């Protein structure tokens, strides 16, 4: 039986309790066919047990199981890394850096950096175009009006969800038809059967001729659903996102919003995956390290 299948807290404490146990798990995930030199690809490897490293007998390159990965040069013990991954995978509405700080007994900056490195691995790069029945809607997050700040700065999120399929949440510059058209074309395939939206004037202009023939709308001023014509499926995802922002993260900077959206989509799309913990670790091994200076760098101003 695979110890990483259907991971729960008790199994985590048993299987990933020490640094050596965690290294062994990462080794099996990174090199299922045996340790291989990341420099020359040779399998003629010698172990350096005292330093938990390997030495390539062919090119003399020395490396560890974390070399070139998101774990590279970390000073945090691997059991705490594994616990953070588990908590972020299992927390339906996300896990705040402050909560992770208290749970893992780390500094806040360490917990914040840890969360973002795990989110970087949760980004889905091999997205397949959505098809079948697809719902599209837009929502606005953040920027509550205050008396001392009358002008609110809302962030636009476009949601696309395939019924009985995947969810996409995309941070958009605006909710204009041209912007929404690019997002729909990038995420919805030609094999789509029905596109459901509300009666906003955005969508007739955002859809191409073929998509308009498959377009059905629901008038929310009169009803939430008319038979199977509704956008309730994507709106439920918006509800989950907003509960995460209001109840867990409290505030999300515009620069980092795409990372939070990627995390929410990855967890949602893998909600029935019994190997979610294992697959997240595998993605972390395959993801280059995200440097702290890149995370805190000022966001470039858009060109005039």
C-alpha atoms as a PDB file:
ATOM      1  CA  UNK A   1       0.000   0.000   0.000  1.00  0.00           C
ATOM      2  CA  UNK A   2       1.317   3.443  -0.949  1.00  0.00           C
ATOM      3  CA  UNK A   3       1.934   5.384   2.305  1.00  0.00           C
ATOM      4  CA  UNK A   4       1.372   8.695   0.470  1.00  0.00           C
ATOM      5  CA  UNK A   5      -2.130   7.756  -0.710  1.00  0.00           C
ATOM      6  CA  UNK A   6      -5.007   9.448   1.156  1.00  0.00           C
ATOM      7  CA  UNK A   7      -2.536  11.221   3.419  1.00  0.00           C
ATOM      8  CA  UNK A   8      -3.904  12.266   6.790  1.00  0.00           C
ATOM      9  CA  UNK A   9      -2.328  13.871   9.836  1.00  0.00           C
ATOM     10  CA  UNK A  10      -1.541  10.613  11.660  1.00  0.00           C
ATOM     11  CA  UNK A  11       0.084   9.077   8.572  1.00  0.00           C
ATOM     12  CA  UNK A  12       2.083  12.267   8.050  1.00  0.00           C
ATOM     13  CA  UNK A  13       3.446  12.088  11.601  1.00  0.00           C
ATOM     14  CA  UNK A  14       4.359   8.437  11.115  1.00  0.00           C
ATOM     15  CA  UNK A  15       5.805   8.432   7.574  1.00  0.00           C
ATOM     16  CA  UNK A  16       7.443  11.889   7.470  1.00  0.00           C
ATOM     17  CA  UNK A  17       8.699  12.294  11.015  1.00  0.00           C
ATOM     18  CA  UNK A  18      12.456  12.716  10.391  1.00  0.00           C
ATOM     19  CA  UNK A  19      14.747  14.446   7.928  1.00  0.00           C
ATOM     20  CA  UNK A  20      15.991  11.090   6.593  1.00  0.00           C
ATOM     21  CA  UNK A  21      12.443   9.776   6.034  1.00  0.00           C
ATOM     22  CA  UNK A  22      11.534  12.916   4.094  1.00  0.00           C
ATOM     23  CA  UNK A  23      14.699  12.728   1.986  1.00  0.00           C
ATOM     24  CA  UNK A  24      13.949   9.118   1.129  1.00  0.00           C
ATOM     25  CA  UNK A  25      10.424  10.039  -0.012  1.00  0.00           C
ATOM     26  CA  UNK A  26      11.757  12.887  -2.169  1.00  0.00           C
ATOM     27  CA  UNK A  27      14.388  10.562  -3.612  1.00  0.00           C
ATOM     28  CA  UNK A  28      11.752   8.012  -4.633  1.00  0.00           C
ATOM     29  CA  UNK A  29       9.581  10.724  -6.186  1.00  0.00           C
ATOM     30  CA  UNK A  30      12.433  12.421  -8.051  1.00  0.00           C
ATOM     31  CA  UNK A  31      14.182   9.280  -9.259  1.00  0.00           C
ATOM     32  CA  UNK A  32      11.657   6.397  -9.371  1.00  0.00           C
ATOM     33  CA  UNK A  33      14.115   4.388 -11.537  1.00  0.00           C
ATOM     34  CA  UNK A  34      17.149   5.078  -9.360  1.00  0.00           C
ATOM     35  CA  UNK A  35      19.288   8.121  -8.555  1.00  0.00           C
ATOM     36  CA  UNK A  36      20.495   9.944 -11.651  1.00  0.00           C
ATOM     37  CA  UNK A  37      23.011  12.786 -11.957  1.00  0.00           C
ATOM     38  CA  UNK A  38      21.173  16.026 -12.837  1.00  0.00           C
ATOM     39  CA  UNK A  39      24.277  17.262 -14.659  1.00  0.00           C
ATOM     40  CA  UNK A  40      25.199  14.405 -17.025  1.00  0.00           C
ATOM     41  CA  UNK A  41      22.350  11.912 -16.503  1.00  0.00           C
ATOM     42  CA  UNK A  42      24.636   9.101 -15.348  1.00  0.00           C
ATOM     43  CA  UNK A  43      23.327   6.472 -12.920  1.00  0.00           C
ATOM     44  CA  UNK A  44      26.822   5.656 -11.638  1.00  0.00           C
ATOM     45  CA  UNK A  45      26.372   7.355  -8.291  1.00  0.00           C
ATOM     46  CA  UNK A  46      28.122   7.149  -4.920  1.00  0.00           C
ATOM     47  CA  UNK A  47      26.417   8.225  -1.709  1.00  0.00           C
ATOM     48  CA  UNK A  48      28.026  10.673   0.712  1.00  0.00           C
ATOM     49  CA  UNK A  49      26.104   9.602   3.813  1.00  0.00           C
ATOM     50  CA  UNK A  50      27.548  12.173   6.216  1.00  0.00           C
ATOM     51  CA  UNK A  51      26.356  15.074   4.075  1.00  0.00           C
ATOM     52  CA  UNK A  52      23.189  13.424   2.665  1.00  0.00           C
ATOM     53  CA  UNK A  53      24.575  14.011  -0.825  1.00  0.00           C
ATOM     54  CA  UNK A  54      25.526  12.074  -3.951  1.00  0.00           C
ATOM     55  CA  UNK A  55      28.702  12.079  -6.013  1.00  0.00           C
ATOM     56  CA  UNK A  56      28.541  11.315  -9.747  1.00  0.00           C
ATOM     57  CA  UNK A  57      31.239   8.790 -10.684  1.00  0.00           C
ATOM     58  CA  UNK A  58      31.137  10.014 -14.296  1.00  0.00           C
ATOM     59  CA  UNK A  59      31.426  13.816 -14.045  1.00  0.00           C
ATOM     60  CA  UNK A  60      32.214  14.183 -10.295  1.00  0.00           C
ATOM     61  CA  UNK A  61      29.223  16.498  -9.817  1.00  0.00           C
ATOM     62  CA  UNK A  62      28.001  16.528  -6.226  1.00  0.00           C
ATOM     63  CA  UNK A  63      24.313  17.043  -5.536  1.00  0.00           C
ATOM     64  CA  UNK A  64      21.483  16.262  -3.123  1.00  0.00           C
ATOM     65  CA  UNK A  65      17.866  15.276  -3.607  1.00  0.00           C
ATOM     66  CA  UNK A  66      16.854  18.927  -3.131  1.00  0.00           C
ATOM     67  CA  UNK A  67      19.381  20.399  -5.603  1.00  0.00           C
ATOM     68  CA  UNK A  68      17.738  22.536  -8.270  1.00  0.00           C
ATOM     69  CA  UNK A  69      14.303  22.273  -6.656  1.00  0.00           C
ATOM     70  CA  UNK A  70      12.092  24.557  -4.600  1.00  0.00           C
ATOM     71  CA  UNK A  71      13.691  22.971  -1.488  1.00  0.00           C
ATOM     72  CA  UNK A  72      17.177  24.135  -2.563  1.00  0.00           C
ATOM     73  CA  UNK A  73      19.251  25.826   0.179  1.00  0.00           C
ATOM     74  CA  UNK A  74      16.384  25.678   2.662  1.00  0.00           C
ATOM     75  CA  UNK A  75      17.223  25.938   6.353  1.00  0.00           C
ATOM     76  CA  UNK A  76      13.793  24.687   7.365  1.00  0.00           C
ATOM     77  CA  UNK A  77      13.638  20.995   8.338  1.00  0.00           C
ATOM     78  CA  UNK A  78      11.930  18.848   5.709  1.00  0.00           C
ATOM     79  CA  UNK A  79       9.284  17.504   8.161  1.00  0.00           C
ATOM     80  CA  UNK A  80       8.062  21.117   8.534  1.00  0.00           C
ATOM     81  CA  UNK A  81       8.031  21.485   4.746  1.00  0.00           C
ATOM     82  CA  UNK A  82       5.941  18.316   4.462  1.00  0.00           C
ATOM     83  CA  UNK A  83       3.566  19.523   7.188  1.00  0.00           C
ATOM     84  CA  UNK A  84       3.115  22.851   5.362  1.00  0.00           C
ATOM     85  CA  UNK A  85       2.346  21.055   2.086  1.00  0.00           C
ATOM     86  CA  UNK A  86      -0.188  18.818   3.821  1.00  0.00           C
ATOM     87  CA  UNK A  87      -1.925  21.757   5.530  1.00  0.00           C
ATOM     88  CA  UNK A  88      -2.164  23.770   2.302  1.00  0.00           C
ATOM     89  CA  UNK A  89      -3.498  20.757   0.412  1.00  0.00           C
ATOM     90  CA  UNK A  90      -6.138  19.961   3.016  1.00  0.00           C
ATOM     91  CA  UNK A  91      -7.303  23.484   3.884  1.00  0.00           C
ATOM     92  CA  UNK A  92     -10.306  24.043   1.640  1.00  0.00           C
ATOM     93  CA  UNK A  93     -10.211  27.824   2.043  1.00  0.00           C
ATOM     94  CA  UNK A  94      -6.441  28.106   2.165  1.00  0.00           C
ATOM     95  CA  UNK A  95      -3.917  28.486   4.962  1.00  0.00           C
ATOM     96  CA  UNK A  96      -2.627  31.887   6.058  1.00  0.00           C
ATOM     97  CA  UNK A  97       1.051  32.508   6.719  1.00  0.00           C
ATOM     98  CA  UNK A  98       0.158  33.627  10.247  1.00  0.00           C
ATOM     99  CA  UNK A  99      -1.620  30.326  10.956  1.00  0.00           C
ATOM    100  CA  UNK A 100       1.316  28.395   9.478  1.00  0.00           C
ATOM    101  CA  UNK A 101       3.706  30.401  11.671  1.00  0.00           C
ATOM    102  CA  UNK A 102       1.800  29.377  14.794  1.00  0.00           C
ATOM    103  CA  UNK A 103       1.425  25.738  13.710  1.00  0.00           C
ATOM    104  CA  UNK A 104       5.040  25.132  12.644  1.00  0.00           C
ATOM    105  CA  UNK A 105       6.718  27.427  15.200  1.00  0.00           C
ATOM    106  CA  UNK A 106       8.555  29.502  12.602  1.00  0.00           C
ATOM    107  CA  UNK A 107       8.964  33.215  11.985  1.00  0.00           C
ATOM    108  CA  UNK A 108       6.261  35.012  10.007  1.00  0.00           C
ATOM    109  CA  UNK A 109       8.585  35.814   7.088  1.00  0.00           C
ATOM    110  CA  UNK A 110       9.633  32.160   6.885  1.00  0.00           C
ATOM    111  CA  UNK A 111       5.997  31.024   6.851  1.00  0.00           C
ATOM    112  CA  UNK A 112       5.033  33.630   4.231  1.00  0.00           C
ATOM    113  CA  UNK A 113       7.927  32.622   1.968  1.00  0.00           C
ATOM    114  CA  UNK A 114       7.098  28.962   2.517  1.00  0.00           C
ATOM    115  CA  UNK A 115       3.466  29.481   1.436  1.00  0.00           C
ATOM    116  CA  UNK A 116       4.494  31.253  -1.751  1.00  0.00           C
ATOM    117  CA  UNK A 117       7.015  28.595  -2.738  1.00  0.00           C
ATOM    118  CA  UNK A 118       4.350  25.917  -2.360  1.00  0.00           C
ATOM    119  CA  UNK A 119       1.907  28.051  -4.393  1.00  0.00           C
ATOM    120  CA  UNK A 120       4.523  28.350  -7.132  1.00  0.00           C
ATOM    121  CA  UNK A 121       4.537  24.558  -7.407  1.00  0.00           C
ATOM    122  CA  UNK A 122       0.735  24.445  -7.479  1.00  0.00           C
ATOM    123  CA  UNK A 123       0.628  26.391 -10.730  1.00  0.00           C
ATOM    124  CA  UNK A 124      -0.847  24.169 -13.446  1.00  0.00           C
ATOM    125  CA  UNK A 125       1.184  24.489 -16.651  1.00  0.00           C
ATOM    126  CA  UNK A 126      -0.361  21.733 -18.771  1.00  0.00           C
ATOM    127  CA  UNK A 127      -3.927  23.027 -18.826  1.00  0.00           C
ATOM    128  CA  UNK A 128      -6.233  21.391 -21.349  1.00  0.00           C
ATOM    129  CA  UNK A 129      -8.937  23.512 -23.041  1.00  0.00           C
ATOM    130  CA  UNK A 130     -12.289  23.239 -21.288  1.00  0.00           C
ATOM    131  CA  UNK A 131     -15.223  21.711 -23.145  1.00  0.00           C
ATOM    132  CA  UNK A 132     -18.711  20.312 -22.682  1.00  0.00           C
ATOM    133  CA  UNK A 133     -20.879  22.764 -20.736  1.00  0.00           C
ATOM    134  CA  UNK A 134     -18.843  25.741 -19.568  1.00  0.00           C
ATOM    135  CA  UNK A 135     -19.903  28.584 -17.274  1.00  0.00           C
ATOM    136  CA  UNK A 136     -18.244  32.008 -17.450  1.00  0.00           C
ATOM    137  CA  UNK A 137     -18.675  34.865 -14.988  1.00  0.00           C
ATOM    138  CA  UNK A 138     -16.742  37.751 -13.491  1.00  0.00           C
ATOM    139  CA  UNK A 139     -16.330  38.927  -9.910  1.00  0.00           C
ATOM    140  CA  UNK A 140     -14.492  41.659  -8.038  1.00  0.00           C
ATOM    141  CA  UNK A 141     -12.360  41.169  -4.939  1.00  0.00           C
ATOM    142  CA  UNK A 142     -10.679  43.491  -2.430  1.00  0.00           C
ATOM    143  CA  UNK A 143     -10.769  47.258  -2.235  1.00  0.00           C
ATOM    144  CA  UNK A 144     -13.491  47.907   0.337  1.00  0.00           C
ATOM    145  CA  UNK A 145     -14.609  51.515   0.489  1.00  0.00           C
ATOM    146  CA  UNK A 146     -13.664  53.461   3.620  1.00  0.00           C
ATOM    147  CA  UNK A 147     -14.523  57.013   4.624  1.00  0.00           C
ATOM    148  CA  UNK A 148     -10.857  57.956   4.410  1.00  0.00           C
ATOM    149  CA  UNK A 149     -10.478  56.006   1.149  1.00  0.00           C
ATOM    150  CA  UNK A 150     -13.579  56.748  -0.945  1.00  0.00           C
ATOM    151  CA  UNK A 151     -12.066  55.325  -4.135  1.00  0.00           C
ATOM    152  CA  UNK A 152     -11.927  51.514  -3.913  1.00  0.00           C
ATOM    153  CA  UNK A 153      -9.537  49.520  -6.070  1.00  0.00           C
ATOM    154  CA  UNK A 154     -11.303  46.317  -6.987  1.00  0.00           C
ATOM    155  CA  UNK A 155      -9.466  43.454  -8.692  1.00  0.00           C
ATOM    156  CA  UNK A 156     -11.242  41.664 -11.526  1.00  0.00           C
ATOM    157  CA  UNK A 157     -11.334  37.866 -11.527  1.00  0.00           C
ATOM    158  CA  UNK A 158     -12.779  35.961 -14.482  1.00  0.00           C
ATOM    159  CA  UNK A 159     -14.071  32.505 -13.588  1.00  0.00           C
ATOM    160  CA  UNK A 160     -14.500  29.687 -16.100  1.00  0.00           C
ATOM    161  CA  UNK A 161     -15.739  26.316 -14.900  1.00  0.00           C
ATOM    162  CA  UNK A 162     -16.547  23.191 -16.853  1.00  0.00           C
ATOM    163  CA  UNK A 163     -19.443  21.320 -15.296  1.00  0.00           C
ATOM    164  CA  UNK A 164     -18.090  18.119 -13.747  1.00  0.00           C
ATOM    165  CA  UNK A 165     -14.656  19.376 -14.761  1.00  0.00           C
ATOM    166  CA  UNK A 166     -11.938  21.877 -13.990  1.00  0.00           C
ATOM    167  CA  UNK A 167     -12.034  25.433 -12.706  1.00  0.00           C
ATOM    168  CA  UNK A 168     -10.025  28.406 -13.965  1.00  0.00           C
ATOM    169  CA  UNK A 169      -9.720  31.693 -12.050  1.00  0.00           C
ATOM    170  CA  UNK A 170      -7.872  34.418 -13.934  1.00  0.00           C
ATOM    171  CA  UNK A 171      -6.855  37.850 -12.661  1.00  0.00           C
ATOM    172  CA  UNK A 172      -7.812  40.275 -15.448  1.00  0.00           C
ATOM    173  CA  UNK A 173      -6.800  43.902 -15.958  1.00  0.00           C
ATOM    174  CA  UNK A 174     -10.441  44.814 -16.537  1.00  0.00           C
ATOM    175  CA  UNK A 175     -13.796  43.304 -17.458  1.00  0.00           C
ATOM    176  CA  UNK A 176     -13.968  44.707 -20.974  1.00  0.00           C
ATOM    177  CA  UNK A 177     -15.136  42.461 -23.809  1.00  0.00           C
ATOM    178  CA  UNK A 178     -11.728  42.407 -25.526  1.00  0.00           C
ATOM    179  CA  UNK A 179     -10.003  41.272 -22.329  1.00  0.00           C
ATOM    180  CA  UNK A 180     -12.616  38.608 -21.589  1.00  0.00           C
ATOM    181  CA  UNK A 181     -12.450  37.395 -25.211  1.00  0.00           C
ATOM    182  CA  UNK A 182      -8.711  36.676 -24.884  1.00  0.00           C
ATOM    183  CA  UNK A 183      -9.264  34.790 -21.629  1.00  0.00           C
ATOM    184  CA  UNK A 184     -12.127  32.696 -23.038  1.00  0.00           C
ATOM    185  CA  UNK A 185     -10.189  31.813 -26.206  1.00  0.00           C
ATOM    186  CA  UNK A 186      -7.166  30.798 -24.117  1.00  0.00           C
ATOM    187  CA  UNK A 187      -9.174  28.490 -21.842  1.00  0.00           C
ATOM    188  CA  UNK A 188     -12.188  27.193 -23.803  1.00  0.00           C
ATOM    189  CA  UNK A 189     -11.694  24.696 -26.606  1.00  0.00           C
ATOM    190  CA  UNK A 190     -13.498  24.337 -29.933  1.00  0.00           C
ATOM    191  CA  UNK A 191     -15.199  21.194 -28.587  1.00  0.00           C
ATOM    192  CA  UNK A 192     -17.290  23.252 -26.125  1.00  0.00           C
ATOM    193  CA  UNK A 193     -20.997  22.402 -26.411  1.00  0.00           C
ATOM    194  CA  UNK A 194     -22.649  25.180 -24.365  1.00  0.00           C
ATOM    195  CA  UNK A 195     -21.346  28.442 -22.875  1.00  0.00           C
ATOM    196  CA  UNK A 196     -23.448  29.727 -19.963  1.00  0.00           C
ATOM    197  CA  UNK A 197     -23.253  33.345 -18.761  1.00  0.00           C
ATOM    198  CA  UNK A 198     -25.496  35.937 -17.183  1.00  0.00           C
ATOM    199  CA  UNK A 199     -27.025  38.676 -19.347  1.00  0.00           C
ATOM    200  CA  UNK A 200     -24.111  41.083 -18.987  1.00  0.00           C
ATOM    201  CA  UNK A 201     -23.362  42.960 -22.207  1.00  0.00           C
ATOM    202  CA  UNK A 202     -19.721  41.861 -21.925  1.00  0.00           C
ATOM    203  CA  UNK A 203     -20.295  38.389 -23.292  1.00  0.00           C
ATOM    204  CA  UNK A 204     -22.029  38.807 -26.687  1.00  0.00           C
ATOM    205  CA  UNK A 205     -19.017  40.913 -27.739  1.00  0.00           C
ATOM    206  CA  UNK A 206     -16.501  38.617 -26.022  1.00  0.00           C
ATOM    207  CA  UNK A 207     -17.612  35.490 -27.898  1.00  0.00           C
ATOM    208  CA  UNK A 208     -16.744  34.664 -31.495  1.00  0.00           C
ATOM    209  CA  UNK A 209     -19.378  33.675 -34.064  1.00  0.00           C
ATOM    210  CA  UNK A 210     -19.220  29.932 -33.326  1.00  0.00           C
ATOM    211  CA  UNK A 211     -19.261  30.500 -29.557  1.00  0.00           C
ATOM    212  CA  UNK A 212     -22.289  32.826 -29.832  1.00  0.00           C
ATOM    213  CA  UNK A 213     -24.254  30.001 -31.462  1.00  0.00           C
ATOM    214  CA  UNK A 214     -23.616  27.935 -28.307  1.00  0.00           C
ATOM    215  CA  UNK A 215     -24.308  30.787 -25.895  1.00  0.00           C
ATOM    216  CA  UNK A 216     -27.117  30.610 -23.320  1.00  0.00           C
ATOM    217  CA  UNK A 217     -27.871  33.242 -20.686  1.00  0.00           C
ATOM    218  CA  UNK A 218     -29.704  33.524 -17.393  1.00  0.00           C
ATOM    219  CA  UNK A 219     -31.329  36.757 -16.209  1.00  0.00           C
ATOM    220  CA  UNK A 220     -30.348  37.095 -12.542  1.00  0.00           C
ATOM    221  CA  UNK A 221     -32.849  39.890 -11.939  1.00  0.00           C
ATOM    222  CA  UNK A 222     -35.648  37.349 -12.389  1.00  0.00           C
ATOM    223  CA  UNK A 223     -34.200  33.941 -11.452  1.00  0.00           C
ATOM    224  CA  UNK A 224     -31.017  32.123 -10.492  1.00  0.00           C
ATOM    225  CA  UNK A 225     -31.657  29.148 -12.747  1.00  0.00           C
ATOM    226  CA  UNK A 226     -33.940  28.127 -15.567  1.00  0.00           C
ATOM    227  CA  UNK A 227     -33.665  24.340 -15.810  1.00  0.00           C
ATOM    228  CA  UNK A 228     -30.018  23.582 -16.473  1.00  0.00           C
ATOM    229  CA  UNK A 229     -29.310  27.159 -17.617  1.00  0.00           C
ATOM    230  CA  UNK A 230     -27.425  28.829 -14.761  1.00  0.00           C
ATOM    231  CA  UNK A 231     -23.996  29.995 -13.609  1.00  0.00           C
ATOM    232  CA  UNK A 232     -24.355  28.635 -10.079  1.00  0.00           C
ATOM    233  CA  UNK A 233     -21.413  26.262 -10.531  1.00  0.00           C
ATOM    234  CA  UNK A 234     -18.829  28.963 -11.190  1.00  0.00           C
ATOM    235  CA  UNK A 235     -20.458  31.269  -8.630  1.00  0.00           C
ATOM    236  CA  UNK A 236     -19.970  28.619  -5.938  1.00  0.00           C
ATOM    237  CA  UNK A 237     -16.251  28.719  -6.761  1.00  0.00           C
ATOM    238  CA  UNK A 238     -16.313  32.519  -6.388  1.00  0.00           C
ATOM    239  CA  UNK A 239     -17.938  32.065  -2.988  1.00  0.00           C
ATOM    240  CA  UNK A 240     -15.148  29.721  -1.910  1.00  0.00           C
ATOM    241  CA  UNK A 241     -12.517  32.177  -3.158  1.00  0.00           C
ATOM    242  CA  UNK A 242     -14.055  35.107  -1.276  1.00  0.00           C
ATOM    243  CA  UNK A 243     -14.331  33.096   1.941  1.00  0.00           C
ATOM    244  CA  UNK A 244     -10.633  32.343   1.569  1.00  0.00           C
ATOM    245  CA  UNK A 245      -9.759  36.020   1.063  1.00  0.00           C
ATOM    246  CA  UNK A 246     -12.025  37.378   3.816  1.00  0.00           C
ATOM    247  CA  UNK A 247     -11.717  34.558   6.352  1.00  0.00           C
ATOM    248  CA  UNK A 248      -8.192  33.187   5.812  1.00  0.00           C
ATOM    249  CA  UNK A 249      -5.841  35.530   3.960  1.00  0.00           C
ATOM    250  CA  UNK A 250      -7.736  38.757   4.878  1.00  0.00           C
ATOM    251  CA  UNK A 251      -5.842  40.768   2.267  1.00  0.00           C
ATOM    252  CA  UNK A 252      -4.320  39.772  -1.076  1.00  0.00           C
ATOM    253  CA  UNK A 253      -1.947  42.065  -2.935  1.00  0.00           C
ATOM    254  CA  UNK A 254      -2.650  42.489  -6.663  1.00  0.00           C
ATOM    255  CA  UNK A 255       0.878  41.290  -7.492  1.00  0.00           C
ATOM    256  CA  UNK A 256       0.339  37.973  -5.706  1.00  0.00           C
ATOM    257  CA  UNK A 257      -3.352  37.476  -6.560  1.00  0.00           C
ATOM    258  CA  UNK A 258      -2.589  35.111  -9.518  1.00  0.00           C
ATOM    259  CA  UNK A 259      -0.641  32.832  -7.150  1.00  0.00           C
ATOM    260  CA  UNK A 260      -3.585  32.616  -4.732  1.00  0.00           C
ATOM    261  CA  UNK A 261      -5.942  31.916  -7.641  1.00  0.00           C
ATOM    262  CA  UNK A 262      -3.617  29.145  -8.889  1.00  0.00           C
ATOM    263  CA  UNK A 263      -3.571  27.593  -5.418  1.00  0.00           C
ATOM    264  CA  UNK A 264      -7.363  27.663  -5.162  1.00  0.00           C
ATOM    265  CA  UNK A 265      -7.806  26.119  -8.627  1.00  0.00           C
ATOM    266  CA  UNK A 266      -5.157  23.437  -8.056  1.00  0.00           C
ATOM    267  CA  UNK A 267      -6.733  22.338  -4.772  1.00  0.00           C
ATOM    268  CA  UNK A 268     -10.253  22.467  -6.240  1.00  0.00           C
ATOM    269  CA  UNK A 269      -9.374  20.545  -9.410  1.00  0.00           C
ATOM    270  CA  UNK A 270      -7.610  17.863  -7.342  1.00  0.00           C
ATOM    271  CA  UNK A 271     -10.216  17.641  -4.577  1.00  0.00           C
ATOM    272  CA  UNK A 272     -10.949  13.979  -5.420  1.00  0.00           C
ATOM    273  CA  UNK A 273      -7.317  13.027  -6.015  1.00  0.00           C
ATOM    274  CA  UNK A 274      -6.197  10.519  -3.341  1.00  0.00           C
ATOM    275  CA  UNK A 275      -2.581  11.334  -4.253  1.00  0.00           C
ATOM    276  CA  UNK A 276      -2.872  15.114  -3.862  1.00  0.00           C
ATOM    277  CA  UNK A 277      -0.119  15.287  -1.218  1.00  0.00           C
ATOM    278  CA  UNK A 278       2.244  13.103  -3.251  1.00  0.00           C
ATOM    279  CA  UNK A 279       1.526  14.939  -6.511  1.00  0.00           C
ATOM    280  CA  UNK A 280       2.137  18.317  -4.867  1.00  0.00           C
ATOM    281  CA  UNK A 281       5.514  17.126  -3.568  1.00  0.00           C
ATOM    282  CA  UNK A 282       6.361  15.845  -7.059  1.00  0.00           C
ATOM    283  CA  UNK A 283       5.540  19.241  -8.578  1.00  0.00           C
ATOM    284  CA  UNK A 284       7.731  20.917  -5.961  1.00  0.00           C
ATOM    285  CA  UNK A 285      10.664  18.730  -6.990  1.00  0.00           C
ATOM    286  CA  UNK A 286      10.121  19.730 -10.622  1.00  0.00           C
ATOM    287  CA  UNK A 287       9.734  23.471  -9.884  1.00  0.00           C
ATOM    288  CA  UNK A 288      12.798  25.773  -9.780  1.00  0.00           C
ATOM    289  CA  UNK A 289      13.449  27.645  -6.575  1.00  0.00           C
ATOM    290  CA  UNK A 290      11.543  30.903  -6.114  1.00  0.00           C
ATOM    291  CA  UNK A 291      13.847  33.515  -4.610  1.00  0.00           C
ATOM    292  CA  UNK A 292      12.628  35.803  -1.840  1.00  0.00           C
ATOM    293  CA  UNK A 293      13.878  38.935  -3.641  1.00  0.00           C
ATOM    294  CA  UNK A 294      11.645  38.042  -6.596  1.00  0.00           C
ATOM    295  CA  UNK A 295       8.600  37.841  -4.344  1.00  0.00           C
ATOM    296  CA  UNK A 296       9.185  41.205  -2.648  1.00  0.00           C
ATOM    297  CA  UNK A 297      10.306  43.089  -5.773  1.00  0.00           C
ATOM    298  CA  UNK A 298       8.206  46.091  -6.686  1.00  0.00           C
ATOM    299  CA  UNK A 299       5.637  45.420  -9.374  1.00  0.00           C
ATOM    300  CA  UNK A 300       6.491  47.202 -12.612  1.00  0.00           C
ATOM    301  CA  UNK A 301       4.152  50.045 -13.547  1.00  0.00           C
ATOM    302  CA  UNK A 302       2.217  49.457 -16.783  1.00  0.00           C
ATOM    303  CA  UNK A 303       3.409  51.439 -19.788  1.00  0.00           C
ATOM    304  CA  UNK A 304       1.476  54.604 -20.525  1.00  0.00           C
END
